[in-house]
Amino acid sequence: MTNATFYHAGCPVCVTAEQRLVAALDPAKFCVKIVHLGQERAQVANARAAGVRSVPALVVEGTVFHINHGADLTVLG
């Protein structure tokens, strides 16, 4: 099983990406943790350390995939 983390801030772009992208991933292959940075501000440092610069973003085994552009991490904390 591949671990992945989907970071978002709750904006419409983020919510749509979460609904569509995460649902498209095969749950038999991916264990996806969803982190709402607007509600979990303490996780901003983890997102930044993983290489996330804006959300929504999906991190899979150390590789960051920035999806569209909802919000910069600088505005989240």
PDB file of N, CA and C in Angstrom:
ATOM      1  N   MET A   1       0.856  -1.183   0.000  1.00  0.00           N
ATOM      2  CA  MET A   1       0.000   0.000   0.000  1.00  0.00           C
ATOM      3  C   MET A   1       0.894   1.237   0.000  1.00  0.00           C
ATOM      4  N   THR A   2       0.552   2.205  -0.828  1.00  0.00           N
ATOM      5  CA  THR A   2       1.288   3.456  -0.921  1.00  0.00           C
ATOM      6  C   THR A   2       0.599   4.513  -0.073  1.00  0.00           C
ATOM      7  N   ASN A   3       1.356   5.161   0.808  1.00  0.00           N
ATOM      8  CA  ASN A   3       0.809   6.243   1.621  1.00  0.00           C
ATOM      9  C   ASN A   3       0.872   7.545   0.853  1.00  0.00           C
ATOM     10  N   ALA A   4      -0.176   8.333   0.971  1.00  0.00           N
ATOM     11  CA  ALA A   4      -0.239   9.638   0.329  1.00  0.00           C
ATOM     12  C   ALA A   4      -0.930  10.601   1.288  1.00  0.00           C
ATOM     13  N   THR A   5      -0.587  11.875   1.158  1.00  0.00           N
ATOM     14  CA  THR A   5      -1.241  12.905   1.966  1.00  0.00           C
ATOM     15  C   THR A   5      -1.771  13.979   1.037  1.00  0.00           C
ATOM     16  N   PHE A   6      -3.047  14.287   1.178  1.00  0.00           N
ATOM     17  CA  PHE A   6      -3.676  15.336   0.395  1.00  0.00           C
ATOM     18  C   PHE A   6      -3.865  16.536   1.311  1.00  0.00           C
ATOM     19  N   TYR A   7      -3.172  17.635   0.990  1.00  0.00           N
ATOM     20  CA  TYR A   7      -3.264  18.865   1.776  1.00  0.00           C
ATOM     21  C   TYR A   7      -4.194  19.838   1.071  1.00  0.00           C
ATOM     22  N   HIS A   8      -5.067  20.467   1.843  1.00  0.00           N
ATOM     23  CA  HIS A   8      -5.925  21.506   1.276  1.00  0.00           C
ATOM     24  C   HIS A   8      -6.306  22.512   2.351  1.00  0.00           C
ATOM     25  N   ALA A   9      -6.970  23.596   1.921  1.00  0.00           N
ATOM     26  CA  ALA A   9      -7.328  24.663   2.851  1.00  0.00           C
ATOM     27  C   ALA A   9      -8.833  24.899   2.926  1.00  0.00           C
ATOM     28  N   GLY A  10      -9.603  24.054   2.276  1.00  0.00           N
ATOM     29  CA  GLY A  10     -11.051  24.184   2.359  1.00  0.00           C
ATOM     30  C   GLY A  10     -11.680  25.087   1.324  1.00  0.00           C
ATOM     31  N   CYS A  11     -10.869  25.702   0.456  1.00  0.00           N
ATOM     32  CA  CYS A  11     -11.421  26.576  -0.579  1.00  0.00           C
ATOM     33  C   CYS A  11     -12.121  25.726  -1.642  1.00  0.00           C
ATOM     34  N   PRO A  12     -12.943  26.336  -2.488  1.00  0.00           N
ATOM     35  CA  PRO A  12     -13.669  25.562  -3.498  1.00  0.00           C
ATOM     36  C   PRO A  12     -12.754  24.743  -4.419  1.00  0.00           C
ATOM     37  N   VAL A  13     -11.622  25.304  -4.822  1.00  0.00           N
ATOM     38  CA  VAL A  13     -10.680  24.564  -5.666  1.00  0.00           C
ATOM     39  C   VAL A  13     -10.176  23.329  -4.929  1.00  0.00           C
ATOM     40  N   CYS A  14      -9.848  23.502  -3.651  1.00  0.00           N
ATOM     41  CA  CYS A  14      -9.335  22.394  -2.842  1.00  0.00           C
ATOM     42  C   CYS A  14     -10.372  21.302  -2.640  1.00  0.00           C
ATOM     43  N   VAL A  15     -11.582  21.698  -2.335  1.00  0.00           N
ATOM     44  CA  VAL A  15     -12.644  20.727  -2.067  1.00  0.00           C
ATOM     45  C   VAL A  15     -12.947  19.920  -3.332  1.00  0.00           C
ATOM     46  N   THR A  16     -13.007  20.584  -4.474  1.00  0.00           N
ATOM     47  CA  THR A  16     -13.253  19.877  -5.729  1.00  0.00           C
ATOM     48  C   THR A  16     -12.119  18.905  -6.028  1.00  0.00           C
ATOM     49  N   ALA A  17     -10.874  19.341  -5.825  1.00  0.00           N
ATOM     50  CA  ALA A  17      -9.726  18.462  -6.054  1.00  0.00           C
ATOM     51  C   ALA A  17      -9.779  17.264  -5.118  1.00  0.00           C
ATOM     52  N   GLU A  18     -10.123  17.507  -3.870  1.00  0.00           N
ATOM     53  CA  GLU A  18     -10.231  16.395  -2.914  1.00  0.00           C
ATOM     54  C   GLU A  18     -11.277  15.396  -3.371  1.00  0.00           C
ATOM     55  N   GLN A  19     -12.441  15.884  -3.713  1.00  0.00           N
ATOM     56  CA  GLN A  19     -13.530  14.999  -4.093  1.00  0.00           C
ATOM     57  C   GLN A  19     -13.200  14.186  -5.338  1.00  0.00           C
ATOM     58  N   ARG A  20     -12.611  14.826  -6.319  1.00  0.00           N
ATOM     59  CA  ARG A  20     -12.369  14.140  -7.593  1.00  0.00           C
ATOM     60  C   ARG A  20     -11.080  13.334  -7.610  1.00  0.00           C
ATOM     61  N   LEU A  21     -10.008  13.917  -7.131  1.00  0.00           N
ATOM     62  CA  LEU A  21      -8.715  13.239  -7.210  1.00  0.00           C
ATOM     63  C   LEU A  21      -8.626  12.078  -6.236  1.00  0.00           C
ATOM     64  N   VAL A  22      -8.957  12.326  -4.996  1.00  0.00           N
ATOM     65  CA  VAL A  22      -8.853  11.266  -3.996  1.00  0.00           C
ATOM     66  C   VAL A  22      -9.807  10.119  -4.337  1.00  0.00           C
ATOM     67  N   ALA A  23     -10.982  10.430  -4.837  1.00  0.00           N
ATOM     68  CA  ALA A  23     -11.938   9.387  -5.218  1.00  0.00           C
ATOM     69  C   ALA A  23     -11.438   8.569  -6.403  1.00  0.00           C
ATOM     70  N   ALA A  24     -10.587   9.173  -7.239  1.00  0.00           N
ATOM     71  CA  ALA A  24     -10.067   8.472  -8.414  1.00  0.00           C
ATOM     72  C   ALA A  24      -8.937   7.505  -8.070  1.00  0.00           C
ATOM     73  N   LEU A  25      -8.327   7.663  -6.902  1.00  0.00           N
ATOM     74  CA  LEU A  25      -7.233   6.778  -6.509  1.00  0.00           C
ATOM     75  C   LEU A  25      -7.781   5.435  -6.030  1.00  0.00           C
ATOM     76  N   ASP A  26      -7.128   4.390  -6.431  1.00  0.00           N
ATOM     77  CA  ASP A  26      -7.543   3.035  -6.062  1.00  0.00           C
ATOM     78  C   ASP A  26      -7.275   2.811  -4.572  1.00  0.00           C
ATOM     79  N   PRO A  27      -8.320   2.629  -3.770  1.00  0.00           N
ATOM     80  CA  PRO A  27      -8.119   2.448  -2.323  1.00  0.00           C
ATOM     81  C   PRO A  27      -7.375   1.160  -1.971  1.00  0.00           C
ATOM     82  N   ALA A  28      -7.270   0.245  -2.911  1.00  0.00           N
ATOM     83  CA  ALA A  28      -6.489  -0.973  -2.670  1.00  0.00           C
ATOM     84  C   ALA A  28      -4.994  -0.703  -2.824  1.00  0.00           C
ATOM     85  N   LYS A  29      -4.667   0.429  -3.458  1.00  0.00           N
ATOM     86  CA  LYS A  29      -3.259   0.762  -3.702  1.00  0.00           C
ATOM     87  C   LYS A  29      -2.780   1.961  -2.892  1.00  0.00           C
ATOM     88  N   PHE A  30      -3.705   2.869  -2.554  1.00  0.00           N
ATOM     89  CA  PHE A  30      -3.333   4.108  -1.873  1.00  0.00           C
ATOM     90  C   PHE A  30      -4.090   4.280  -0.560  1.00  0.00           C
ATOM     91  N   CYS A  31      -3.350   4.589   0.483  1.00  0.00           N
ATOM     92  CA  CYS A  31      -3.918   4.980   1.762  1.00  0.00           C
ATOM     93  C   CYS A  31      -3.731   6.494   1.840  1.00  0.00           C
ATOM     94  N   VAL A  32      -4.827   7.238   1.678  1.00  0.00           N
ATOM     95  CA  VAL A  32      -4.744   8.697   1.592  1.00  0.00           C
ATOM     96  C   VAL A  32      -5.180   9.338   2.900  1.00  0.00           C
ATOM     97  N   LYS A  33      -4.292  10.139   3.448  1.00  0.00           N
ATOM     98  CA  LYS A  33      -4.608  10.950   4.625  1.00  0.00           C
ATOM     99  C   LYS A  33      -4.969  12.344   4.112  1.00  0.00           C
ATOM    100  N   ILE A  34      -6.091  12.868   4.547  1.00  0.00           N
ATOM    101  CA  ILE A  34      -6.525  14.203   4.123  1.00  0.00           C
ATOM    102  C   ILE A  34      -6.285  15.168   5.265  1.00  0.00           C
ATOM    103  N   VAL A  35      -5.562  16.256   4.949  1.00  0.00           N
ATOM    104  CA  VAL A  35      -5.222  17.257   5.959  1.00  0.00           C
ATOM    105  C   VAL A  35      -5.780  18.610   5.517  1.00  0.00           C
ATOM    106  N   HIS A  36      -6.719  19.125   6.285  1.00  0.00           N
ATOM    107  CA  HIS A  36      -7.331  20.439   6.039  1.00  0.00           C
ATOM    108  C   HIS A  36      -6.496  21.455   6.820  1.00  0.00           C
ATOM    109  N   LEU A  37      -5.623  22.157   6.127  1.00  0.00           N
ATOM    110  CA  LEU A  37      -4.702  23.083   6.797  1.00  0.00           C
ATOM    111  C   LEU A  37      -5.408  24.288   7.412  1.00  0.00           C
ATOM    112  N   GLY A  38      -6.591  24.605   6.941  1.00  0.00           N
ATOM    113  CA  GLY A  38      -7.351  25.689   7.554  1.00  0.00           C
ATOM    114  C   GLY A  38      -7.826  25.326   8.954  1.00  0.00           C
ATOM    115  N   GLN A  39      -8.026  24.037   9.189  1.00  0.00           N
ATOM    116  CA  GLN A  39      -8.475  23.562  10.494  1.00  0.00           C
ATOM    117  C   GLN A  39      -7.347  22.967  11.323  1.00  0.00           C
ATOM    118  N   GLU A  40      -6.286  22.532  10.660  1.00  0.00           N
ATOM    119  CA  GLU A  40      -5.155  21.901  11.344  1.00  0.00           C
ATOM    120  C   GLU A  40      -3.884  22.713  11.099  1.00  0.00           C
ATOM    121  N   ARG A  41      -3.863  23.920  11.609  1.00  0.00           N
ATOM    122  CA  ARG A  41      -2.732  24.839  11.384  1.00  0.00           C
ATOM    123  C   ARG A  41      -1.388  24.248  11.796  1.00  0.00           C
ATOM    124  N   ALA A  42      -1.383  23.373  12.775  1.00  0.00           N
ATOM    125  CA  ALA A  42      -0.135  22.759  13.231  1.00  0.00           C
ATOM    126  C   ALA A  42       0.496  21.894  12.142  1.00  0.00           C
ATOM    127  N   GLN A  43      -0.283  21.490  11.158  1.00  0.00           N
ATOM    128  CA  GLN A  43       0.223  20.651  10.071  1.00  0.00           C
ATOM    129  C   GLN A  43       0.888  21.446   8.949  1.00  0.00           C
ATOM    130  N   VAL A  44       0.794  22.774   8.991  1.00  0.00           N
ATOM    131  CA  VAL A  44       1.411  23.603   7.949  1.00  0.00           C
ATOM    132  C   VAL A  44       2.916  23.355   7.886  1.00  0.00           C
ATOM    133  N   ALA A  45       3.555  23.231   9.021  1.00  0.00           N
ATOM    134  CA  ALA A  45       4.995  22.975   9.047  1.00  0.00           C
ATOM    135  C   ALA A  45       5.328  21.640   8.394  1.00  0.00           C
ATOM    136  N   ASN A  46       4.499  20.623   8.625  1.00  0.00           N
ATOM    137  CA  ASN A  46       4.718  19.320   7.981  1.00  0.00           C
ATOM    138  C   ASN A  46       4.554  19.417   6.472  1.00  0.00           C
ATOM    139  N   ALA A  47       3.541  20.152   6.043  1.00  0.00           N
ATOM    140  CA  ALA A  47       3.314  20.333   4.603  1.00  0.00           C
ATOM    141  C   ALA A  47       4.506  21.045   3.972  1.00  0.00           C
ATOM    142  N   ARG A  48       4.949  22.096   4.618  1.00  0.00           N
ATOM    143  CA  ARG A  48       6.094  22.856   4.111  1.00  0.00           C
ATOM    144  C   ARG A  48       7.342  21.962   4.043  1.00  0.00           C
ATOM    145  N   ALA A  49       7.583  21.168   5.077  1.00  0.00           N
ATOM    146  CA  ALA A  49       8.741  20.270   5.106  1.00  0.00           C
ATOM    147  C   ALA A  49       8.661  19.210   4.005  1.00  0.00           C
ATOM    148  N   ALA A  50       7.447  18.842   3.619  1.00  0.00           N
ATOM    149  CA  ALA A  50       7.261  17.860   2.547  1.00  0.00           C
ATOM    150  C   ALA A  50       7.465  18.471   1.165  1.00  0.00           C
ATOM    151  N   GLY A  51       7.570  19.819   1.109  1.00  0.00           N
ATOM    152  CA  GLY A  51       7.776  20.495  -0.171  1.00  0.00           C
ATOM    153  C   GLY A  51       6.547  21.164  -0.738  1.00  0.00           C
ATOM    154  N   VAL A  52       5.451  21.149   0.004  1.00  0.00           N
ATOM    155  CA  VAL A  52       4.218  21.785  -0.453  1.00  0.00           C
ATOM    156  C   VAL A  52       4.390  23.301  -0.393  1.00  0.00           C
ATOM    157  N   ARG A  53       4.066  23.972  -1.483  1.00  0.00           N
ATOM    158  CA  ARG A  53       4.161  25.438  -1.547  1.00  0.00           C
ATOM    159  C   ARG A  53       2.787  26.092  -1.666  1.00  0.00           C
ATOM    160  N   SER A  54       1.835  25.330  -2.207  1.00  0.00           N
ATOM    161  CA  SER A  54       0.464  25.820  -2.325  1.00  0.00           C
ATOM    162  C   SER A  54      -0.471  24.620  -2.256  1.00  0.00           C
ATOM    163  N   VAL A  55      -1.709  24.901  -1.942  1.00  0.00           N
ATOM    164  CA  VAL A  55      -2.705  23.839  -1.873  1.00  0.00           C
ATOM    165  C   VAL A  55      -3.798  24.124  -2.889  1.00  0.00           C
ATOM    166  N   PRO A  56      -4.442  23.099  -3.372  1.00  0.00           N
ATOM    167  CA  PRO A  56      -4.351  21.698  -3.005  1.00  0.00           C
ATOM    168  C   PRO A  56      -3.078  21.052  -3.532  1.00  0.00           C
ATOM    169  N   ALA A  57      -2.592  20.072  -2.780  1.00  0.00           N
ATOM    170  CA  ALA A  57      -1.398  19.330  -3.176  1.00  0.00           C
ATOM    171  C   ALA A  57      -1.501  17.907  -2.648  1.00  0.00           C
ATOM    172  N   LEU A  58      -0.986  16.997  -3.433  1.00  0.00           N
ATOM    173  CA  LEU A  58      -0.940  15.590  -3.050  1.00  0.00           C
ATOM    174  C   LEU A  58       0.522  15.190  -2.938  1.00  0.00           C
ATOM    175  N   VAL A  59       0.892  14.613  -1.807  1.00  0.00           N
ATOM    176  CA  VAL A  59       2.261  14.139  -1.603  1.00  0.00           C
ATOM    177  C   VAL A  59       2.220  12.616  -1.585  1.00  0.00           C
ATOM    178  N   VAL A  60       2.949  12.019  -2.519  1.00  0.00           N
ATOM    179  CA  VAL A  60       3.011  10.559  -2.633  1.00  0.00           C
ATOM    180  C   VAL A  60       4.472  10.137  -2.547  1.00  0.00           C
ATOM    181  N   GLU A  61       4.806   9.437  -1.485  1.00  0.00           N
ATOM    182  CA  GLU A  61       6.158   8.924  -1.278  1.00  0.00           C
ATOM    183  C   GLU A  61       7.231   9.992  -1.537  1.00  0.00           C
ATOM    184  N   GLY A  62       7.021  11.167  -0.968  1.00  0.00           N
ATOM    185  CA  GLY A  62       8.011  12.237  -1.049  1.00  0.00           C
ATOM    186  C   GLY A  62       7.929  13.112  -2.280  1.00  0.00           C
ATOM    187  N   THR A  63       7.060  12.794  -3.212  1.00  0.00           N
ATOM    188  CA  THR A  63       6.887  13.610  -4.412  1.00  0.00           C
ATOM    189  C   THR A  63       5.636  14.457  -4.249  1.00  0.00           C
ATOM    190  N   VAL A  64       5.781  15.761  -4.481  1.00  0.00           N
ATOM    191  CA  VAL A  64       4.656  16.689  -4.330  1.00  0.00           C
ATOM    192  C   VAL A  64       4.023  16.957  -5.689  1.00  0.00           C
ATOM    193  N   PHE A  65       2.717  16.826  -5.731  1.00  0.00           N
ATOM    194  CA  PHE A  65       1.953  17.152  -6.929  1.00  0.00           C
ATOM    195  C   PHE A  65       1.047  18.328  -6.579  1.00  0.00           C
ATOM    196  N   HIS A  66       1.409  19.510  -7.088  1.00  0.00           N
ATOM    197  CA  HIS A  66       0.587  20.700  -6.862  1.00  0.00           C
ATOM    198  C   HIS A  66      -0.546  20.682  -7.885  1.00  0.00           C
ATOM    199  N   ILE A  67      -1.750  20.867  -7.397  1.00  0.00           N
ATOM    200  CA  ILE A  67      -2.945  20.769  -8.225  1.00  0.00           C
ATOM    201  C   ILE A  67      -3.609  22.140  -8.286  1.00  0.00           C
ATOM    202  N   ASN A  68      -3.670  22.708  -9.490  1.00  0.00           N
ATOM    203  CA  ASN A  68      -4.279  24.020  -9.643  1.00  0.00           C
ATOM    204  C   ASN A  68      -3.599  24.984  -8.674  1.00  0.00           C
ATOM    205  N   HIS A  69      -4.317  25.963  -8.175  1.00  0.00           N
ATOM    206  CA  HIS A  69      -3.740  26.881  -7.187  1.00  0.00           C
ATOM    207  C   HIS A  69      -4.865  27.477  -6.357  1.00  0.00           C
ATOM    208  N   GLY A  70      -4.996  26.976  -5.153  1.00  0.00           N
ATOM    209  CA  GLY A  70      -6.046  27.466  -4.257  1.00  0.00           C
ATOM    210  C   GLY A  70      -5.529  28.512  -3.303  1.00  0.00           C
ATOM    211  N   ALA A  71      -4.397  28.216  -2.607  1.00  0.00           N
ATOM    212  CA  ALA A  71      -3.826  29.148  -1.635  1.00  0.00           C
ATOM    213  C   ALA A  71      -2.357  28.812  -1.406  1.00  0.00           C
ATOM    214  N   ASP A  72      -1.547  29.847  -1.234  1.00  0.00           N
ATOM    215  CA  ASP A  72      -0.146  29.669  -0.859  1.00  0.00           C
ATOM    216  C   ASP A  72      -0.070  29.287   0.612  1.00  0.00           C
ATOM    217  N   LEU A  73       0.938  28.505   0.954  1.00  0.00           N
ATOM    218  CA  LEU A  73       1.120  28.156   2.372  1.00  0.00           C
ATOM    219  C   LEU A  73       1.430  29.394   3.205  1.00  0.00           C
ATOM    220  N   THR A  74       1.999  30.409   2.585  1.00  0.00           N
ATOM    221  CA  THR A  74       2.356  31.629   3.332  1.00  0.00           C
ATOM    222  C   THR A  74       1.135  32.289   3.951  1.00  0.00           C
ATOM    223  N   VAL A  75      -0.038  32.123   3.354  1.00  0.00           N
ATOM    224  CA  VAL A  75      -1.242  32.733   3.932  1.00  0.00           C
ATOM    225  C   VAL A  75      -1.872  31.841   4.997  1.00  0.00           C
ATOM    226  N   LEU A  76      -1.415  30.594   5.076  1.00  0.00           N
ATOM    227  CA  LEU A  76      -1.983  29.659   6.046  1.00  0.00           C
ATOM    228  C   LEU A  76      -1.187  29.590   7.345  1.00  0.00           C
ATOM    229  N   GLY A  77       0.031  30.089   7.299  1.00  0.00           N
ATOM    230  CA  GLY A  77       0.791  30.054   8.536  1.00  0.00           C
ATOM    231  C   GLY A  77       2.266  29.967   8.342  1.00  0.00           C
TER     232      GLY A  77
END
